[in-house]
């Protein structure tokens, strides 16, 4: 089983940390923190970790660390579970 990857469009400086939903095959998410010193990325990983109930260490940004559009890999998560939990 290969680890699934997902494109995420992140909106920093939002009023709340939340997953907005899918727009096509891109997941939209919002975080409160500013994109300074990786804080927005850390908040995104924490948000995804809580929603999927997996350890933060199993979620990795593989591209787009300094961009709003990121590609994130989820180690040890089934692709079907990923979409079900993030849509809910």
PDB file of N, CA and C in Angstrom:
ATOM      1  N   UNK A   1       0.841  -1.187   0.000  1.00  0.00           N
ATOM      2  CA  UNK A   1       0.000   0.000   0.000  1.00  0.00           C
ATOM      3  C   UNK A   1       0.882   1.245   0.000  1.00  0.00           C
ATOM      4  N   UNK A   2       0.668   2.126  -0.976  1.00  0.00           N
ATOM      5  CA  UNK A   2       1.422   3.375  -0.987  1.00  0.00           C
ATOM      6  C   UNK A   2       0.666   4.409  -0.163  1.00  0.00           C
ATOM      7  N   UNK A   3       1.406   5.302   0.429  1.00  0.00           N
ATOM      8  CA  UNK A   3       0.795   6.324   1.271  1.00  0.00           C
ATOM      9  C   UNK A   3       0.103   7.359   0.391  1.00  0.00           C
ATOM     10  N   UNK A   4      -1.152   7.685   0.687  1.00  0.00           N
ATOM     11  CA  UNK A   4      -1.870   8.655  -0.144  1.00  0.00           C
ATOM     12  C   UNK A   4      -1.339  10.073   0.058  1.00  0.00           C
ATOM     13  N   UNK A   5      -1.435  10.867  -0.990  1.00  0.00           N
ATOM     14  CA  UNK A   5      -1.078  12.280  -0.927  1.00  0.00           C
ATOM     15  C   UNK A   5      -2.302  13.082  -1.341  1.00  0.00           C
ATOM     16  N   UNK A   6      -2.379  14.285  -0.844  1.00  0.00           N
ATOM     17  CA  UNK A   6      -3.549  15.116  -1.067  1.00  0.00           C
ATOM     18  C   UNK A   6      -3.105  16.562  -1.246  1.00  0.00           C
ATOM     19  N   UNK A   7      -3.716  17.262  -2.182  1.00  0.00           N
ATOM     20  CA  UNK A   7      -3.444  18.691  -2.346  1.00  0.00           C
ATOM     21  C   UNK A   7      -4.361  19.454  -1.396  1.00  0.00           C
ATOM     22  N   UNK A   8      -3.774  20.440  -0.708  1.00  0.00           N
ATOM     23  CA  UNK A   8      -4.521  21.248   0.257  1.00  0.00           C
ATOM     24  C   UNK A   8      -4.279  22.718  -0.046  1.00  0.00           C
ATOM     25  N   UNK A   9      -5.369  23.475  -0.119  1.00  0.00           N
ATOM     26  CA  UNK A   9      -5.261  24.925  -0.267  1.00  0.00           C
ATOM     27  C   UNK A   9      -5.504  25.528   1.108  1.00  0.00           C
ATOM     28  N   UNK A  10      -4.494  26.192   1.642  1.00  0.00           N
ATOM     29  CA  UNK A  10      -4.545  26.710   3.007  1.00  0.00           C
ATOM     30  C   UNK A  10      -4.770  28.214   3.012  1.00  0.00           C
ATOM     31  N   UNK A  11      -5.690  28.658   3.859  1.00  0.00           N
ATOM     32  CA  UNK A  11      -5.937  30.083   4.062  1.00  0.00           C
ATOM     33  C   UNK A  11      -5.515  30.440   5.483  1.00  0.00           C
ATOM     34  N   UNK A  12      -4.381  31.112   5.641  1.00  0.00           N
ATOM     35  CA  UNK A  12      -3.936  31.526   6.978  1.00  0.00           C
ATOM     36  C   UNK A  12      -4.686  32.775   7.442  1.00  0.00           C
ATOM     37  N   UNK A  13      -4.467  33.138   8.689  1.00  0.00           N
ATOM     38  CA  UNK A  13      -5.077  34.320   9.309  1.00  0.00           C
ATOM     39  C   UNK A  13      -6.606  34.289   9.244  1.00  0.00           C
ATOM     40  N   UNK A  14      -7.179  33.140   9.485  1.00  0.00           N
ATOM     41  CA  UNK A  14      -8.627  32.980   9.485  1.00  0.00           C
ATOM     42  C   UNK A  14      -9.160  33.183  10.901  1.00  0.00           C
ATOM     43  N   UNK A  15     -10.459  33.217  11.022  1.00  0.00           N
ATOM     44  CA  UNK A  15     -11.061  33.388  12.351  1.00  0.00           C
ATOM     45  C   UNK A  15     -11.099  32.087  13.142  1.00  0.00           C
ATOM     46  N   UNK A  16     -10.910  30.949  12.455  1.00  0.00           N
ATOM     47  CA  UNK A  16     -10.961  29.651  13.136  1.00  0.00           C
ATOM     48  C   UNK A  16     -10.108  28.636  12.384  1.00  0.00           C
ATOM     49  N   UNK A  17      -9.665  27.607  13.105  1.00  0.00           N
ATOM     50  CA  UNK A  17      -8.999  26.481  12.466  1.00  0.00           C
ATOM     51  C   UNK A  17     -10.078  25.506  12.039  1.00  0.00           C
ATOM     52  N   UNK A  18     -10.222  25.308  10.719  1.00  0.00           N
ATOM     53  CA  UNK A  18     -11.268  24.392  10.266  1.00  0.00           C
ATOM     54  C   UNK A  18     -10.981  23.873   8.868  1.00  0.00           C
ATOM     55  N   UNK A  19     -11.567  22.714   8.598  1.00  0.00           N
ATOM     56  CA  UNK A  19     -11.524  22.138   7.268  1.00  0.00           C
ATOM     57  C   UNK A  19     -12.801  22.570   6.567  1.00  0.00           C
ATOM     58  N   UNK A  20     -12.664  23.245   5.446  1.00  0.00           N
ATOM     59  CA  UNK A  20     -13.809  23.788   4.727  1.00  0.00           C
ATOM     60  C   UNK A  20     -14.478  22.700   3.898  1.00  0.00           C
ATOM     61  N   UNK A  21     -13.689  21.875   3.237  1.00  0.00           N
ATOM     62  CA  UNK A  21     -14.226  20.809   2.401  1.00  0.00           C
ATOM     63  C   UNK A  21     -13.455  20.706   1.103  1.00  0.00           C
ATOM     64  N   UNK A  22     -13.918  19.831   0.246  1.00  0.00           N
ATOM     65  CA  UNK A  22     -13.239  19.606  -1.028  1.00  0.00           C
ATOM     66  C   UNK A  22     -13.806  20.512  -2.110  1.00  0.00           C
ATOM     67  N   UNK A  23     -12.908  21.018  -2.923  1.00  0.00           N
ATOM     68  CA  UNK A  23     -13.258  21.742  -4.134  1.00  0.00           C
ATOM     69  C   UNK A  23     -12.575  20.978  -5.258  1.00  0.00           C
ATOM     70  N   UNK A  24     -13.318  20.096  -5.894  1.00  0.00           N
ATOM     71  CA  UNK A  24     -12.704  19.163  -6.842  1.00  0.00           C
ATOM     72  C   UNK A  24     -11.889  18.152  -6.055  1.00  0.00           C
ATOM     73  N   UNK A  25     -10.614  18.032  -6.368  1.00  0.00           N
ATOM     74  CA  UNK A  25      -9.750  17.111  -5.622  1.00  0.00           C
ATOM     75  C   UNK A  25      -8.822  17.841  -4.657  1.00  0.00           C
ATOM     76  N   UNK A  26      -9.095  19.124  -4.421  1.00  0.00           N
ATOM     77  CA  UNK A  26      -8.273  19.920  -3.503  1.00  0.00           C
ATOM     78  C   UNK A  26      -9.056  20.172  -2.221  1.00  0.00           C
ATOM     79  N   UNK A  27      -8.428  19.863  -1.092  1.00  0.00           N
ATOM     80  CA  UNK A  27      -9.034  20.119   0.209  1.00  0.00           C
ATOM     81  C   UNK A  27      -8.755  21.558   0.609  1.00  0.00           C
ATOM     82  N   UNK A  28      -9.787  22.285   1.029  1.00  0.00           N
ATOM     83  CA  UNK A  28      -9.606  23.657   1.495  1.00  0.00           C
ATOM     84  C   UNK A  28      -9.641  23.662   3.020  1.00  0.00           C
ATOM     85  N   UNK A  29      -8.668  24.369   3.607  1.00  0.00           N
ATOM     86  CA  UNK A  29      -8.571  24.458   5.064  1.00  0.00           C
ATOM     87  C   UNK A  29      -8.214  25.885   5.458  1.00  0.00           C
ATOM     88  N   UNK A  30      -8.596  26.242   6.687  1.00  0.00           N
ATOM     89  CA  UNK A  30      -8.282  27.563   7.232  1.00  0.00           C
ATOM     90  C   UNK A  30      -7.622  27.391   8.592  1.00  0.00           C
ATOM     91  N   UNK A  31      -6.643  28.245   8.873  1.00  0.00           N
ATOM     92  CA  UNK A  31      -6.000  28.253  10.192  1.00  0.00           C
ATOM     93  C   UNK A  31      -5.886  29.687  10.685  1.00  0.00           C
ATOM     94  N   UNK A  32      -5.861  29.844  11.999  1.00  0.00           N
ATOM     95  CA  UNK A  32      -5.792  31.167  12.619  1.00  0.00           C
ATOM     96  C   UNK A  32      -4.425  31.826  12.461  1.00  0.00           C
ATOM     97  N   UNK A  33      -3.371  31.041  12.528  1.00  0.00           N
ATOM     98  CA  UNK A  33      -2.031  31.616  12.575  1.00  0.00           C
ATOM     99  C   UNK A  33      -1.590  32.195  11.238  1.00  0.00           C
ATOM    100  N   UNK A  34      -0.620  33.081  11.322  1.00  0.00           N
ATOM    101  CA  UNK A  34      -0.037  33.704  10.134  1.00  0.00           C
ATOM    102  C   UNK A  34       1.023  32.765   9.546  1.00  0.00           C
ATOM    103  N   UNK A  35       1.297  32.928   8.261  1.00  0.00           N
ATOM    104  CA  UNK A  35       2.315  32.072   7.631  1.00  0.00           C
ATOM    105  C   UNK A  35       3.730  32.566   7.936  1.00  0.00           C
ATOM    106  N   UNK A  36       4.068  32.606   9.208  1.00  0.00           N
ATOM    107  CA  UNK A  36       5.372  33.074   9.655  1.00  0.00           C
ATOM    108  C   UNK A  36       6.047  31.955  10.441  1.00  0.00           C
ATOM    109  N   UNK A  37       7.293  31.684  10.126  1.00  0.00           N
ATOM    110  CA  UNK A  37       8.089  30.660  10.823  1.00  0.00           C
ATOM    111  C   UNK A  37       7.405  29.289  10.826  1.00  0.00           C
ATOM    112  N   UNK A  38       6.620  28.986   9.801  1.00  0.00           N
ATOM    113  CA  UNK A  38       5.992  27.679   9.695  1.00  0.00           C
ATOM    114  C   UNK A  38       4.801  27.449  10.616  1.00  0.00           C
ATOM    115  N   UNK A  39       4.316  28.505  11.258  1.00  0.00           N
ATOM    116  CA  UNK A  39       3.213  28.336  12.211  1.00  0.00           C
ATOM    117  C   UNK A  39       1.932  27.870  11.538  1.00  0.00           C
ATOM    118  N   UNK A  40       1.612  28.409  10.368  1.00  0.00           N
ATOM    119  CA  UNK A  40       0.400  27.990   9.661  1.00  0.00           C
ATOM    120  C   UNK A  40       0.501  26.518   9.255  1.00  0.00           C
ATOM    121  N   UNK A  41       1.682  26.087   8.825  1.00  0.00           N
ATOM    122  CA  UNK A  41       1.881  24.680   8.457  1.00  0.00           C
ATOM    123  C   UNK A  41       1.698  23.775   9.673  1.00  0.00           C
ATOM    124  N   UNK A  42       2.233  24.184  10.814  1.00  0.00           N
ATOM    125  CA  UNK A  42       2.093  23.387  12.035  1.00  0.00           C
ATOM    126  C   UNK A  42       0.630  23.272  12.443  1.00  0.00           C
ATOM    127  N   UNK A  43      -0.097  24.389  12.345  1.00  0.00           N
ATOM    128  CA  UNK A  43      -1.527  24.358  12.684  1.00  0.00           C
ATOM    129  C   UNK A  43      -2.305  23.465  11.724  1.00  0.00           C
ATOM    130  N   UNK A  44      -1.944  23.487  10.448  1.00  0.00           N
ATOM    131  CA  UNK A  44      -2.609  22.629   9.471  1.00  0.00           C
ATOM    132  C   UNK A  44      -2.384  21.155   9.805  1.00  0.00           C
ATOM    133  N   UNK A  45      -1.151  20.796  10.112  1.00  0.00           N
ATOM    134  CA  UNK A  45      -0.850  19.399  10.455  1.00  0.00           C
ATOM    135  C   UNK A  45      -1.600  18.989  11.719  1.00  0.00           C
ATOM    136  N   UNK A  46      -1.661  19.865  12.708  1.00  0.00           N
ATOM    137  CA  UNK A  46      -2.407  19.572  13.937  1.00  0.00           C
ATOM    138  C   UNK A  46      -3.899  19.398  13.642  1.00  0.00           C
ATOM    139  N   UNK A  47      -4.460  20.259  12.815  1.00  0.00           N
ATOM    140  CA  UNK A  47      -5.868  20.165  12.442  1.00  0.00           C
ATOM    141  C   UNK A  47      -6.167  18.845  11.734  1.00  0.00           C
ATOM    142  N   UNK A  48      -5.335  18.473  10.768  1.00  0.00           N
ATOM    143  CA  UNK A  48      -5.528  17.216  10.050  1.00  0.00           C
ATOM    144  C   UNK A  48      -5.348  16.015  10.969  1.00  0.00           C
ATOM    145  N   UNK A  49      -4.382  16.108  11.869  1.00  0.00           N
ATOM    146  CA  UNK A  49      -4.107  15.028  12.815  1.00  0.00           C
ATOM    147  C   UNK A  49      -5.320  14.759  13.703  1.00  0.00           C
ATOM    148  N   UNK A  50      -5.921  15.819  14.214  1.00  0.00           N
ATOM    149  CA  UNK A  50      -7.098  15.663  15.081  1.00  0.00           C
ATOM    150  C   UNK A  50      -8.276  15.107  14.300  1.00  0.00           C
ATOM    151  N   UNK A  51      -8.494  15.597  13.087  1.00  0.00           N
ATOM    152  CA  UNK A  51      -9.638  15.163  12.281  1.00  0.00           C
ATOM    153  C   UNK A  51      -9.513  13.696  11.880  1.00  0.00           C
ATOM    154  N   UNK A  52      -8.281  13.275  11.541  1.00  0.00           N
ATOM    155  CA  UNK A  52      -8.062  11.896  11.096  1.00  0.00           C
ATOM    156  C   UNK A  52      -7.752  10.939  12.245  1.00  0.00           C
ATOM    157  N   UNK A  53      -7.504  11.498  13.422  1.00  0.00           N
ATOM    158  CA  UNK A  53      -7.128  10.714  14.603  1.00  0.00           C
ATOM    159  C   UNK A  53      -5.862   9.887  14.353  1.00  0.00           C
ATOM    160  N   UNK A  54      -4.854  10.560  13.794  1.00  0.00           N
ATOM    161  CA  UNK A  54      -3.544   9.940  13.581  1.00  0.00           C
ATOM    162  C   UNK A  54      -2.479  10.854  14.177  1.00  0.00           C
ATOM    163  N   UNK A  55      -1.319  10.293  14.451  1.00  0.00           N
ATOM    164  CA  UNK A  55      -0.225  11.068  15.020  1.00  0.00           C
ATOM    165  C   UNK A  55       0.263  12.124  14.029  1.00  0.00           C
ATOM    166  N   UNK A  56       0.647  13.286  14.549  1.00  0.00           N
ATOM    167  CA  UNK A  56       1.147  14.371  13.700  1.00  0.00           C
ATOM    168  C   UNK A  56       2.358  13.915  12.884  1.00  0.00           C
ATOM    169  N   UNK A  57       3.143  13.025  13.441  1.00  0.00           N
ATOM    170  CA  UNK A  57       4.353  12.558  12.774  1.00  0.00           C
ATOM    171  C   UNK A  57       4.045  11.761  11.501  1.00  0.00           C
ATOM    172  N   UNK A  58       2.807  11.320  11.332  1.00  0.00           N
ATOM    173  CA  UNK A  58       2.425  10.538  10.152  1.00  0.00           C
ATOM    174  C   UNK A  58       1.903  11.429   9.022  1.00  0.00           C
ATOM    175  N   UNK A  59       1.895  12.743   9.251  1.00  0.00           N
ATOM    176  CA  UNK A  59       1.440  13.701   8.242  1.00  0.00           C
ATOM    177  C   UNK A  59       2.627  14.572   7.865  1.00  0.00           C
ATOM    178  N   UNK A  60       2.898  14.656   6.551  1.00  0.00           N
ATOM    179  CA  UNK A  60       4.099  15.347   6.090  1.00  0.00           C
ATOM    180  C   UNK A  60       3.771  16.223   4.877  1.00  0.00           C
ATOM    181  N   UNK A  61       4.226  17.466   4.923  1.00  0.00           N
ATOM    182  CA  UNK A  61       4.096  18.348   3.765  1.00  0.00           C
ATOM    183  C   UNK A  61       5.251  18.026   2.832  1.00  0.00           C
ATOM    184  N   UNK A  62       4.926  17.510   1.641  1.00  0.00           N
ATOM    185  CA  UNK A  62       5.995  17.105   0.725  1.00  0.00           C
ATOM    186  C   UNK A  62       6.287  18.157  -0.337  1.00  0.00           C
ATOM    187  N   UNK A  63       5.379  19.121  -0.536  1.00  0.00           N
ATOM    188  CA  UNK A  63       5.680  20.264  -1.401  1.00  0.00           C
ATOM    189  C   UNK A  63       4.770  21.423  -1.029  1.00  0.00           C
ATOM    190  N   UNK A  64       5.243  22.627  -1.287  1.00  0.00           N
ATOM    191  CA  UNK A  64       4.450  23.820  -1.026  1.00  0.00           C
ATOM    192  C   UNK A  64       4.565  24.366   0.379  1.00  0.00           C
ATOM    193  N   UNK A  65       5.690  24.130   1.040  1.00  0.00           N
ATOM    194  CA  UNK A  65       5.852  24.612   2.421  1.00  0.00           C
ATOM    195  C   UNK A  65       5.697  26.128   2.536  1.00  0.00           C
ATOM    196  N   UNK A  66       6.054  26.848   1.482  1.00  0.00           N
ATOM    197  CA  UNK A  66       5.946  28.310   1.515  1.00  0.00           C
ATOM    198  C   UNK A  66       4.874  28.822   0.562  1.00  0.00           C
ATOM    199  N   UNK A  67       3.919  27.970   0.262  1.00  0.00           N
ATOM    200  CA  UNK A  67       2.846  28.305  -0.668  1.00  0.00           C
ATOM    201  C   UNK A  67       1.498  27.987  -0.023  1.00  0.00           C
ATOM    202  N   UNK A  68       0.436  28.573  -0.536  1.00  0.00           N
ATOM    203  CA  UNK A  68      -0.896  28.239  -0.028  1.00  0.00           C
ATOM    204  C   UNK A  68      -1.355  26.870  -0.516  1.00  0.00           C
ATOM    205  N   UNK A  69      -0.864  26.458  -1.689  1.00  0.00           N
ATOM    206  CA  UNK A  69      -1.207  25.147  -2.239  1.00  0.00           C
ATOM    207  C   UNK A  69      -0.116  24.159  -1.865  1.00  0.00           C
ATOM    208  N   UNK A  70      -0.479  23.162  -1.092  1.00  0.00           N
ATOM    209  CA  UNK A  70       0.479  22.199  -0.553  1.00  0.00           C
ATOM    210  C   UNK A  70       0.102  20.788  -0.977  1.00  0.00           C
ATOM    211  N   UNK A  71       1.089  19.920  -1.006  1.00  0.00           N
ATOM    212  CA  UNK A  71       0.835  18.499  -1.183  1.00  0.00           C
ATOM    213  C   UNK A  71       1.251  17.823   0.113  1.00  0.00           C
ATOM    214  N   UNK A  72       0.323  17.066   0.670  1.00  0.00           N
ATOM    215  CA  UNK A  72       0.547  16.442   1.970  1.00  0.00           C
ATOM    216  C   UNK A  72       0.430  14.935   1.837  1.00  0.00           C
ATOM    217  N   UNK A  73       1.389  14.216   2.438  1.00  0.00           N
ATOM    218  CA  UNK A  73       1.368  12.751   2.430  1.00  0.00           C
ATOM    219  C   UNK A  73       0.943  12.268   3.816  1.00  0.00           C
ATOM    220  N   UNK A  74       0.131  11.220   3.806  1.00  0.00           N
ATOM    221  CA  UNK A  74      -0.387  10.621   5.034  1.00  0.00           C
ATOM    222  C   UNK A  74       0.148   9.200   5.118  1.00  0.00           C
ATOM    223  N   UNK A  75       1.052   8.945   6.042  1.00  0.00           N
ATOM    224  CA  UNK A  75       1.645   7.615   6.185  1.00  0.00           C
ATOM    225  C   UNK A  75       0.736   6.713   7.017  1.00  0.00           C
ATOM    226  N   UNK A  76       0.464   5.529   6.474  1.00  0.00           N
ATOM    227  CA  UNK A  76      -0.326   4.539   7.201  1.00  0.00           C
ATOM    228  C   UNK A  76      -1.812   4.819   7.229  1.00  0.00           C
ATOM    229  N   UNK A  77      -2.303   5.630   6.302  1.00  0.00           N
ATOM    230  CA  UNK A  77      -3.730   5.939   6.227  1.00  0.00           C
ATOM    231  C   UNK A  77      -4.243   5.445   4.880  1.00  0.00           C
ATOM    232  N   UNK A  78      -5.387   4.763   4.882  1.00  0.00           N
ATOM    233  CA  UNK A  78      -5.983   4.302   3.628  1.00  0.00           C
ATOM    234  C   UNK A  78      -6.624   5.492   2.912  1.00  0.00           C
ATOM    235  N   UNK A  79      -6.501   5.513   1.596  1.00  0.00           N
ATOM    236  CA  UNK A  79      -7.043   6.619   0.811  1.00  0.00           C
ATOM    237  C   UNK A  79      -8.549   6.770   1.020  1.00  0.00           C
ATOM    238  N   UNK A  80      -9.262   5.646   1.094  1.00  0.00           N
ATOM    239  CA  UNK A  80     -10.711   5.701   1.291  1.00  0.00           C
ATOM    240  C   UNK A  80     -11.058   6.335   2.639  1.00  0.00           C
ATOM    241  N   UNK A  81     -10.317   5.964   3.688  1.00  0.00           N
ATOM    242  CA  UNK A  81     -10.544   6.534   5.018  1.00  0.00           C
ATOM    243  C   UNK A  81     -10.247   8.020   5.029  1.00  0.00           C
ATOM    244  N   UNK A  82      -9.222   8.400   4.313  1.00  0.00           N
ATOM    245  CA  UNK A  82      -8.815   9.804   4.255  1.00  0.00           C
ATOM    246  C   UNK A  82      -9.966  10.677   3.745  1.00  0.00           C
ATOM    247  N   UNK A  83     -10.570  10.297   2.640  1.00  0.00           N
ATOM    248  CA  UNK A  83     -11.653  11.106   2.071  1.00  0.00           C
ATOM    249  C   UNK A  83     -12.908  11.056   2.928  1.00  0.00           C
ATOM    250  N   UNK A  84     -13.219   9.909   3.514  1.00  0.00           N
ATOM    251  CA  UNK A  84     -14.402   9.802   4.377  1.00  0.00           C
ATOM    252  C   UNK A  84     -14.275  10.697   5.609  1.00  0.00           C
ATOM    253  N   UNK A  85     -13.133  10.648   6.265  1.00  0.00           N
ATOM    254  CA  UNK A  85     -12.952  11.423   7.494  1.00  0.00           C
ATOM    255  C   UNK A  85     -12.849  12.919   7.229  1.00  0.00           C
ATOM    256  N   UNK A  86     -12.263  13.305   6.101  1.00  0.00           N
ATOM    257  CA  UNK A  86     -12.121  14.720   5.815  1.00  0.00           C
ATOM    258  C   UNK A  86     -13.412  15.329   5.270  1.00  0.00           C
ATOM    259  N   UNK A  87     -14.272  14.530   4.696  1.00  0.00           N
ATOM    260  CA  UNK A  87     -15.557  15.038   4.206  1.00  0.00           C
ATOM    261  C   UNK A  87     -16.572  15.201   5.329  1.00  0.00           C
ATOM    262  N   UNK A  88     -16.388  14.464   6.432  1.00  0.00           N
ATOM    263  CA  UNK A  88     -17.382  14.435   7.495  1.00  0.00           C
ATOM    264  C   UNK A  88     -17.465  15.573   8.375  1.00  0.00           C
TER     265      UNK A  88
END
